[in-house]
Amino acid sequence: MPFLLNALYLSLLIFVSPFVLWRYWRHGRYRRGWNDRIFGPNRYAISPCTVWLHAVSVGEVQVLRPIIETFESQRPDLKLAISVSTDSGMDLANKLFSKHQVFFAPIDFSWAIRAALRILKPELIILAELELWPNWLMQAEKLGCPVAVVNGRLSENSFRGYSRIRFLVRKYFGSIDWVGAQSETIAERFQSLGVHPNRITVTGNVKFDGASWQRSAPEVISRKNLLHLNSDHQVFLAGSTQSPEEALVLSTFAKLAIRYPTLKLIIVPRHVERFNEVAKLIEATGLEWARRSLCPTDIPPDWRVFLADSVGELRWWWGLADIGFVGGSFGDRGGQNMIEPCAYGVATCFGPNTRNFADIVQLLLEEKACEQLLKPDDLQVWVESMFIQSLKRETMSTQAIHTCKKHRGATQRSWENLLQFLPKNEPNHPR
């Protein structure tokens, strides 16, 4: 089986290599970590650990943040290693977890996984949300290393795809030692695909714990001062946007900017390689604008549009917003994290395509903590109504804060279940 999987991965790697090379040349992506990805982590840079935690990209790194903070406070005796799969994930992981080992995760070649496990010698592997790689799971099981999934998520599309090859994947799902599922629906999907029901716990969504809610936090205040914002301003923020959402947001704002001079717009694109493209769209509006990367410490106070072209800062930019739009929802992406703005009490909206966050969207909509728009033309009407009708905006804000507070606790529930896999705390006998 490993031989067949390796052959399949090599074929896929050759097939996608033109795309990878294009992004390497055009956008500067995939320029780092190829030795780690192909052959496993460098044994001179990485040493044995107790727990190996893996996150694919920025979103999963944010999921791991409260989990790792719990490890640091409850079990500082344990050594952690964090792997990621993307450049942006690496940048954020290095920023958040500087005291731990961070490296690029190996591709699921049997030799790379064996090398990683031989170097790290972990006693537990933790996957954020779900990374189902057969060689990874087989090699971990062979070594008797338990594998746990925190904030387990299986979207409807993913579940449908896995179900078509259930006879192939059931063995691998069955080797997972514990899953902390975000909801009952997701728990049922994991069970249907082969995870034993006794190994599944509905913990809720860790993102409710990871979301900041204090507008008085130093990270928020410093950005507020940077942008010269005061109580007279109202901020409309579009976060995690993708093409063509920036054009839609800018068109909406340009129509409102003339009538409402105190309204300002912050745009935070989802992907680094599109920062320059979005900058050109903003420039074309003729509005006064500023850019985080060009003015990191001195933003002109007369700006109307601000491009936050930075990685890992969106959670703090949301703390400046009164009105918010969550991107990835008017295209085919499937939506992005709407918990972060809601936790701050931002009056939040998003488009119709939110399949990746279906359970969260349902929960928030039932609590009237946000609003879902059906078509792009609805955005201007909605933003203007939120700007004019302050009572409506404040009611939604209150509901959003209340809902997010009510659903916190997934980190603690996950921690209580992970304890069964950790070695006993013996401070007199460090590892």
Protein backbone atom coordinates (compact mmCIF):
# COMPACT_ATOMS: atom_id res chain seq x y z
CA MET A 1 0.00 0.00 0.00
CA PRO A 2 2.74 2.58 0.80
CA PHE A 3 4.33 1.85 -2.60
CA LEU A 4 1.05 2.54 -4.42
CA LEU A 5 0.42 5.70 -2.40
CA ASN A 6 3.94 6.97 -3.06
CA ALA A 7 3.49 6.34 -6.78
CA LEU A 8 0.17 8.19 -6.71
CA TYR A 9 1.67 11.17 -4.85
CA LEU A 10 4.62 11.36 -7.25
CA SER A 11 2.25 11.32 -10.22
CA LEU A 12 0.15 14.09 -8.67
CA LEU A 13 3.25 16.13 -7.84
CA ILE A 14 4.43 15.90 -11.45
CA PHE A 15 0.95 16.81 -12.69
CA VAL A 16 0.66 19.95 -10.52
CA SER A 17 4.31 21.01 -10.90
CA PRO A 18 3.56 23.55 -13.69
CA PHE A 19 1.00 25.22 -11.42
CA VAL A 20 3.44 25.20 -8.49
CA LEU A 21 6.23 26.66 -10.65
CA TRP A 22 3.90 29.35 -11.96
CA ARG A 23 2.94 30.44 -8.45
CA TYR A 24 6.61 30.21 -7.42
CA TRP A 25 7.60 32.60 -10.20
CA ARG A 26 4.55 34.85 -10.32
CA HIS A 27 3.63 35.19 -6.64
CA GLY A 28 6.64 33.98 -4.69
CA ARG A 29 4.74 31.04 -3.23
CA TYR A 30 6.20 27.62 -2.38
CA ARG A 31 9.78 28.90 -2.22
CA ARG A 32 10.56 27.48 1.20
CA GLY A 33 10.66 24.15 2.94
CA TRP A 34 10.92 21.74 0.03
CA ASN A 35 13.56 19.66 1.76
CA ASP A 36 11.24 19.27 4.78
CA ARG A 37 8.28 18.49 2.55
CA ILE A 38 10.01 15.81 0.44
CA PHE A 39 12.43 14.21 2.90
CA GLY A 40 11.08 15.11 6.35
CA PRO A 41 12.33 17.75 8.81
CA ASN A 42 16.03 18.51 9.14
CA ARG A 43 17.35 16.46 12.03
CA TYR A 44 19.90 19.19 12.82
CA ALA A 45 17.17 21.82 13.17
CA ILE A 46 14.40 19.73 14.77
CA SER A 47 14.73 17.60 17.90
CA PRO A 48 12.44 15.09 19.65
CA CYS A 49 9.20 16.42 21.09
CA THR A 50 6.33 15.16 23.23
CA VAL A 51 3.49 16.46 21.07
CA TRP A 52 3.45 17.13 17.34
CA LEU A 53 0.68 19.55 16.32
CA HIS A 54 -0.19 20.11 12.67
CA ALA A 55 -2.02 23.00 10.99
CA VAL A 56 -2.49 23.39 7.25
CA SER A 57 -2.58 27.18 6.93
CA VAL A 58 -3.47 30.40 8.75
CA GLY A 59 -6.97 29.32 9.80
CA GLU A 60 -5.78 26.09 11.39
CA VAL A 61 -2.85 27.87 13.05
CA GLN A 62 -5.39 30.15 14.73
CA VAL A 63 -7.31 27.05 15.85
CA LEU A 64 -4.19 25.65 17.50
CA ARG A 65 -3.37 28.91 19.30
CA PRO A 66 -5.67 28.41 22.34
CA ILE A 67 -4.75 24.70 22.45
CA ILE A 68 -1.03 25.53 22.56
CA GLU A 69 -1.63 28.26 25.14
CA THR A 70 -3.31 25.61 27.31
CA PHE A 71 -0.31 23.31 26.92
CA GLU A 72 1.98 26.18 27.93
CA SER A 73 -0.01 27.01 31.05
CA GLN A 74 -0.99 23.49 32.15
CA ARG A 75 1.96 21.37 31.00
CA PRO A 76 5.04 23.55 30.46
CA ASP A 77 7.13 20.40 30.95
CA LEU A 78 6.06 19.07 27.54
CA LYS A 79 8.00 19.90 24.39
CA LEU A 80 5.87 20.90 21.39
CA ALA A 81 6.58 20.90 17.65
CA ILE A 82 4.24 22.60 15.17
CA SER A 83 4.10 21.82 11.46
CA VAL A 84 2.33 23.77 8.70
CA SER A 85 1.73 23.26 4.99
CA THR A 86 1.70 26.80 3.56
CA ASP A 87 4.00 29.83 3.50
CA SER A 88 1.43 32.08 5.17
CA GLY A 89 0.84 29.42 7.82
CA MET A 90 4.59 29.29 8.47
CA ASP A 91 4.83 33.07 8.84
CA LEU A 92 2.01 33.17 11.37
CA ALA A 93 3.17 30.08 13.27
CA ASN A 94 6.65 31.57 13.65
CA LYS A 95 5.09 34.75 14.99
CA LEU A 96 2.72 33.05 17.45
CA PHE A 97 4.81 30.07 18.54
CA SER A 98 8.36 31.42 18.54
CA LYS A 99 9.26 29.48 21.69
CA HIS A 100 8.46 26.15 19.99
CA GLN A 101 9.81 24.25 17.00
CA VAL A 102 8.03 25.17 13.75
CA PHE A 103 8.64 23.41 10.44
CA PHE A 104 7.00 22.55 7.11
CA ALA A 105 5.00 19.33 7.28
CA PRO A 106 6.25 16.49 5.08
CA ILE A 107 4.17 15.45 2.10
CA ASP A 108 2.58 12.04 2.75
CA PHE A 109 5.43 10.04 1.23
CA SER A 110 6.16 7.03 3.43
CA TRP A 111 9.88 7.85 3.69
CA ALA A 112 9.20 11.48 4.66
CA ILE A 113 6.68 10.52 7.33
CA ARG A 114 8.98 7.82 8.72
CA ALA A 115 11.83 10.34 8.87
CA ALA A 116 9.65 12.89 10.68
CA LEU A 117 8.46 10.35 13.24
CA ARG A 118 12.00 9.02 13.72
CA ILE A 119 13.30 12.55 14.42
CA LEU A 120 10.40 13.88 16.49
CA LYS A 121 9.54 10.70 18.42
CA PRO A 122 6.17 12.20 19.46
CA GLU A 123 3.96 10.61 22.08
CA LEU A 124 0.89 12.30 20.55
CA ILE A 125 -0.01 13.83 17.18
CA ILE A 126 -2.72 16.49 17.09
CA LEU A 127 -4.33 17.51 13.79
CA ALA A 128 -6.28 20.76 13.51
CA GLU A 129 -9.76 20.21 12.00
CA LEU A 130 -8.77 17.29 9.71
CA GLU A 131 -5.78 16.19 7.66
CA LEU A 132 -6.41 12.64 6.48
CA TRP A 133 -3.13 11.34 5.06
CA PRO A 134 -2.92 7.51 4.85
CA ASN A 135 0.85 7.09 5.24
CA TRP A 136 0.88 9.52 8.16
CA LEU A 137 -1.86 7.59 9.97
CA MET A 138 -0.41 4.16 9.11
CA GLN A 139 3.10 5.05 10.29
CA ALA A 140 1.78 6.61 13.52
CA GLU A 141 -0.32 3.53 14.21
CA LYS A 142 2.65 1.25 13.53
CA LEU A 143 4.67 3.12 16.15
CA GLY A 144 1.80 3.17 18.62
CA CYS A 145 1.58 6.97 18.54
CA PRO A 146 -2.04 8.13 19.08
CA VAL A 147 -3.55 10.64 16.66
CA ALA A 148 -6.16 13.15 17.84
CA VAL A 149 -8.22 15.66 15.85
CA VAL A 150 -9.13 18.94 17.55
CA ASN A 151 -11.94 21.16 16.28
CA GLY A 152 -12.90 18.33 13.94
CA ARG A 153 -14.67 19.52 10.82
CA LEU A 154 -16.10 17.65 7.83
CA SER A 155 -17.97 19.90 5.45
CA GLU A 156 -20.90 18.49 3.52
CA ASN A 157 -18.82 18.41 0.33
CA SER A 158 -15.88 16.67 2.03
CA PHE A 159 -18.19 14.14 3.63
CA ARG A 160 -19.87 13.42 0.31
CA GLY A 161 -16.49 12.92 -1.36
CA TYR A 162 -15.17 10.60 1.35
CA SER A 163 -18.44 8.66 1.33
CA ARG A 164 -17.91 7.76 -2.33
CA ILE A 165 -14.68 5.96 -1.38
CA ARG A 166 -15.78 4.83 2.06
CA PHE A 167 -14.42 1.33 1.44
CA LEU A 168 -10.93 2.87 1.05
CA VAL A 169 -10.91 5.51 3.80
CA ARG A 170 -12.80 3.64 6.52
CA LYS A 171 -9.58 1.95 7.68
CA TYR A 172 -7.78 5.27 8.05
CA PHE A 173 -10.62 7.03 9.84
CA GLY A 174 -10.83 4.01 12.10
CA SER A 175 -7.19 4.47 13.16
CA ILE A 176 -7.87 7.94 14.61
CA ASP A 177 -7.73 7.71 18.40
CA TRP A 178 -9.91 10.69 19.28
CA VAL A 179 -11.94 13.38 17.51
CA GLY A 180 -13.21 16.56 19.10
CA ALA A 181 -16.09 17.39 16.73
CA GLN A 182 -17.50 20.87 16.29
CA SER A 183 -21.12 19.67 16.29
CA GLU A 184 -23.39 16.61 16.49
CA THR A 185 -23.75 16.60 12.71
CA ILE A 186 -19.99 16.51 12.21
CA ALA A 187 -19.64 13.81 14.89
CA GLU A 188 -22.12 11.65 12.96
CA ARG A 189 -20.12 12.16 9.76
CA PHE A 190 -16.89 11.03 11.42
CA GLN A 191 -18.65 7.98 12.83
CA SER A 192 -20.18 7.15 9.46
CA LEU A 193 -16.71 7.15 7.89
CA GLY A 194 -15.22 4.75 10.43
CA VAL A 195 -14.28 6.53 13.65
CA HIS A 196 -15.50 4.51 16.65
CA PRO A 197 -18.29 6.40 18.48
CA ASN A 198 -16.46 6.01 21.81
CA ARG A 199 -13.60 8.00 20.32
CA ILE A 200 -15.72 11.03 19.37
CA THR A 201 -16.65 13.93 21.65
CA VAL A 202 -18.72 16.95 20.64
CA THR A 203 -16.55 19.76 22.01
CA GLY A 204 -17.93 22.72 20.10
CA ASN A 205 -15.82 25.08 18.04
CA VAL A 206 -12.43 26.16 19.39
CA LYS A 207 -12.67 29.29 17.24
CA PHE A 208 -15.15 30.72 19.75
CA ASP A 209 -12.37 30.52 22.36
CA GLY A 210 -9.67 31.76 20.01
CA ALA A 211 -11.62 34.84 18.92
CA SER A 212 -10.65 38.04 20.67
CA TRP A 213 -13.53 40.15 22.01
CA GLN A 214 -11.82 42.99 23.88
CA ARG A 215 -11.72 46.21 21.90
CA SER A 216 -9.53 47.57 24.68
CA ALA A 217 -6.79 45.04 23.95
CA PRO A 218 -3.39 46.70 23.33
CA GLU A 219 -3.21 45.13 19.86
CA VAL A 220 -6.51 46.80 18.92
CA ILE A 221 -5.75 50.15 20.55
CA SER A 222 -2.37 50.42 18.82
CA ARG A 223 -4.04 49.91 15.43
CA LYS A 224 -6.78 52.38 16.29
CA ASN A 225 -4.14 55.00 17.08
CA LEU A 226 -2.20 54.12 13.95
CA LEU A 227 -5.26 54.85 11.80
CA HIS A 228 -6.22 58.00 13.76
CA LEU A 229 -9.70 56.67 14.48
CA ASN A 230 -11.98 58.33 17.01
CA SER A 231 -15.62 58.17 18.14
CA ASP A 232 -16.75 60.27 15.16
CA HIS A 233 -15.71 57.58 12.68
CA GLN A 234 -17.62 54.48 11.61
CA VAL A 235 -15.55 51.66 10.13
CA PHE A 236 -16.75 49.21 7.50
CA LEU A 237 -14.33 46.27 7.30
CA ALA A 238 -14.24 43.61 4.60
CA GLY A 239 -12.15 40.67 5.82
CA SER A 240 -10.74 37.56 4.10
CA THR A 241 -11.92 38.86 0.73
CA GLN A 242 -11.31 37.15 -2.58
CA SER A 243 -11.85 38.14 -6.19
CA PRO A 244 -14.24 39.71 -7.16
CA GLU A 245 -15.36 40.72 -3.65
CA GLU A 246 -12.89 43.61 -3.32
CA ALA A 247 -14.37 45.23 -6.45
CA LEU A 248 -17.86 44.79 -5.01
CA VAL A 249 -16.86 46.26 -1.65
CA LEU A 250 -15.09 49.22 -3.26
CA SER A 251 -18.04 49.92 -5.54
CA THR A 252 -20.37 49.83 -2.53
CA PHE A 253 -18.15 52.12 -0.47
CA ALA A 254 -17.56 54.61 -3.30
CA LYS A 255 -21.34 55.19 -3.52
CA LEU A 256 -21.63 55.70 0.23
CA ALA A 257 -18.43 57.67 0.83
CA ILE A 258 -19.75 60.89 -0.68
CA ARG A 259 -22.92 60.91 1.46
CA TYR A 260 -21.27 59.71 4.67
CA PRO A 261 -17.90 61.46 5.18
CA THR A 262 -17.27 59.78 8.56
CA LEU A 263 -17.47 56.26 7.08
CA LYS A 264 -14.14 54.56 6.44
CA LEU A 265 -13.28 51.24 4.76
CA ILE A 266 -10.65 48.66 5.73
CA ILE A 267 -9.98 45.80 3.31
CA VAL A 268 -8.08 42.66 4.38
CA PRO A 269 -7.60 40.31 1.39
CA ARG A 270 -7.37 36.60 2.10
CA HIS A 271 -4.28 35.81 -0.01
CA VAL A 272 -0.90 37.52 0.08
CA GLU A 273 -0.32 37.23 -3.66
CA ARG A 274 -3.37 39.44 -4.35
CA PHE A 275 -2.27 42.42 -2.24
CA ASN A 276 -0.88 44.36 -5.21
CA GLU A 277 -3.90 43.54 -7.35
CA VAL A 278 -6.24 44.90 -4.66
CA ALA A 279 -4.04 47.98 -4.24
CA LYS A 280 -4.59 48.80 -7.93
CA LEU A 281 -8.36 48.45 -7.50
CA ILE A 282 -8.29 50.88 -4.58
CA GLU A 283 -6.07 53.33 -6.48
CA ALA A 284 -8.58 53.33 -9.35
CA THR A 285 -11.38 54.63 -7.08
CA GLY A 286 -9.66 58.00 -6.68
CA LEU A 287 -10.31 57.92 -2.92
CA GLU A 288 -7.64 58.81 -0.39
CA TRP A 289 -6.09 55.57 0.75
CA ALA A 290 -3.24 54.08 2.72
CA ARG A 291 -1.47 50.75 2.82
CA ARG A 292 -0.17 48.90 5.85
CA SER A 293 3.07 47.72 4.20
CA LEU A 294 3.96 51.19 2.88
CA CYS A 295 3.07 53.13 6.03
CA PRO A 296 3.65 50.72 8.93
CA THR A 297 3.97 53.49 11.53
CA ASP A 298 2.71 56.72 9.97
CA ILE A 299 -0.72 56.56 8.30
CA PRO A 300 -2.08 59.88 6.89
CA PRO A 301 -5.21 60.76 8.91
CA ASP A 302 -7.33 61.72 5.88
CA TRP A 303 -7.53 58.18 4.45
CA ARG A 304 -10.90 56.77 3.38
CA VAL A 305 -9.73 53.28 2.36
CA PHE A 306 -7.05 51.29 4.18
CA LEU A 307 -5.45 48.16 2.74
CA ALA A 308 -4.34 45.86 5.57
CA ASP A 309 -1.85 43.86 3.53
CA SER A 310 -0.49 41.84 6.43
CA VAL A 311 -0.70 38.22 7.62
CA GLY A 312 -2.20 37.18 10.95
CA GLU A 313 -3.54 40.60 11.94
CA LEU A 314 -7.17 40.29 10.84
CA ARG A 315 -8.30 39.29 14.34
CA TRP A 316 -7.09 42.69 15.59
CA TRP A 317 -8.39 44.74 12.65
CA TRP A 318 -11.88 43.36 13.37
CA GLY A 319 -11.68 45.14 16.74
CA LEU A 320 -11.86 48.48 14.90
CA ALA A 321 -14.99 47.69 12.89
CA ASP A 322 -18.59 48.74 13.38
CA ILE A 323 -19.89 47.03 10.25
CA GLY A 324 -18.32 43.95 8.68
CA PHE A 325 -18.44 41.76 5.60
CA VAL A 326 -16.83 38.29 5.71
CA GLY A 327 -15.35 37.32 2.37
CA GLY A 328 -15.15 34.05 0.49
CA SER A 329 -18.95 33.97 0.53
CA PHE A 330 -19.87 35.55 -2.82
CA GLY A 331 -17.63 33.14 -4.76
CA ASP A 332 -17.08 29.40 -4.57
CA ARG A 333 -14.71 29.41 -1.58
CA GLY A 334 -17.37 28.43 0.95
CA GLY A 335 -16.96 31.34 3.35
CA GLN A 336 -14.43 32.32 6.00
CA ASN A 337 -14.48 32.68 9.78
CA MET A 338 -17.38 34.89 10.88
CA ILE A 339 -16.86 34.20 14.59
CA GLU A 340 -14.06 36.76 14.90
CA PRO A 341 -16.14 39.84 13.95
CA CYS A 342 -19.18 38.60 15.87
CA ALA A 343 -17.10 38.17 19.05
CA TYR A 344 -16.26 41.88 18.94
CA GLY A 345 -19.90 42.77 18.37
CA VAL A 346 -19.38 43.85 14.77
CA ALA A 347 -22.64 44.03 12.78
CA THR A 348 -21.65 41.22 10.41
CA CYS A 349 -22.88 40.04 7.03
CA PHE A 350 -21.72 37.55 4.42
CA GLY A 351 -22.90 36.09 1.12
CA PRO A 352 -24.85 32.90 0.37
CA ASN A 353 -21.91 30.50 -0.03
CA THR A 354 -20.88 29.50 3.50
CA ARG A 355 -20.74 25.72 3.19
CA ASN A 356 -17.44 25.50 5.11
CA PHE A 357 -19.08 27.12 8.13
CA ALA A 358 -22.62 25.77 7.75
CA ASP A 359 -23.12 24.85 11.42
CA ILE A 360 -21.68 28.14 12.68
CA VAL A 361 -23.79 30.15 10.24
CA GLN A 362 -26.94 28.32 11.29
CA LEU A 363 -26.16 28.95 14.95
CA LEU A 364 -25.42 32.66 14.46
CA LEU A 365 -28.45 33.24 12.23
CA GLU A 366 -30.78 31.54 14.69
CA GLU A 367 -29.52 33.91 17.37
CA LYS A 368 -29.90 36.90 15.00
CA ALA A 369 -26.22 37.61 15.56
CA CYS A 370 -25.48 38.34 11.88
CA GLU A 371 -27.17 38.50 8.49
CA GLN A 372 -26.76 36.52 5.29
CA LEU A 373 -27.11 38.34 1.96
CA LEU A 374 -28.49 36.56 -1.07
CA LYS A 375 -26.87 38.56 -3.86
CA PRO A 376 -24.03 41.11 -4.26
CA ASP A 377 -26.43 44.01 -4.89
CA ASP A 378 -27.73 43.59 -1.33
CA LEU A 379 -24.42 44.69 0.18
CA GLN A 380 -24.84 48.44 -0.37
CA VAL A 381 -28.39 48.46 1.01
CA TRP A 382 -27.33 46.45 4.06
CA VAL A 383 -24.24 48.54 4.89
CA GLU A 384 -26.22 51.77 4.56
CA SER A 385 -29.02 50.45 6.77
CA MET A 386 -26.47 49.48 9.44
CA PHE A 387 -24.89 52.91 9.22
CA ILE A 388 -28.16 54.82 9.47
CA GLN A 389 -30.10 52.61 11.88
CA SER A 390 -27.81 52.63 14.90
CA LEU A 391 -30.37 50.83 17.09
CA LYS A 392 -30.58 47.94 14.64
CA ARG A 393 -26.79 47.77 14.51
CA GLU A 394 -26.48 47.83 18.30
CA THR A 395 -29.11 45.08 18.68
CA MET A 396 -27.21 42.80 16.30
CA SER A 397 -23.96 43.67 18.07
CA THR A 398 -25.38 42.70 21.46
CA GLN A 399 -26.72 39.41 20.12
CA ALA A 400 -23.42 38.59 18.47
CA ILE A 401 -21.43 39.12 21.67
CA HIS A 402 -23.93 37.13 23.73
CA THR A 403 -23.91 34.21 21.28
CA CYS A 404 -20.12 33.99 21.09
CA LYS A 405 -19.77 34.09 24.88
CA LYS A 406 -22.37 31.34 25.25
CA HIS A 407 -20.48 28.94 22.99
CA ARG A 408 -17.01 29.25 24.47
CA GLY A 409 -15.42 26.31 26.26
CA ALA A 410 -14.36 23.99 23.41
CA THR A 411 -10.68 24.40 24.30
CA GLN A 412 -11.22 23.19 27.86
CA ARG A 413 -13.36 20.25 26.68
CA SER A 414 -10.67 19.33 24.15
CA TRP A 415 -7.94 19.59 26.78
CA GLU A 416 -9.79 17.28 29.17
CA ASN A 417 -9.93 14.62 26.45
CA LEU A 418 -6.33 15.07 25.32
CA LEU A 419 -5.05 14.44 28.86
CA GLN A 420 -5.56 10.69 28.42
CA PHE A 421 -2.81 10.63 25.78
CA LEU A 422 -0.22 12.72 27.65
CA PRO A 423 2.53 11.35 29.88
CA LYS A 424 2.16 12.00 33.57
CA ASN A 425 3.58 15.27 34.83
CA GLU A 426 6.78 14.43 36.64
CA PRO A 427 8.55 17.74 37.31
CA ASN A 428 11.47 16.00 39.04
CA HIS A 429 12.12 13.85 36.00
CA PRO A 430 12.07 16.11 32.94
CA ARG A 431 12.03 14.47 29.51
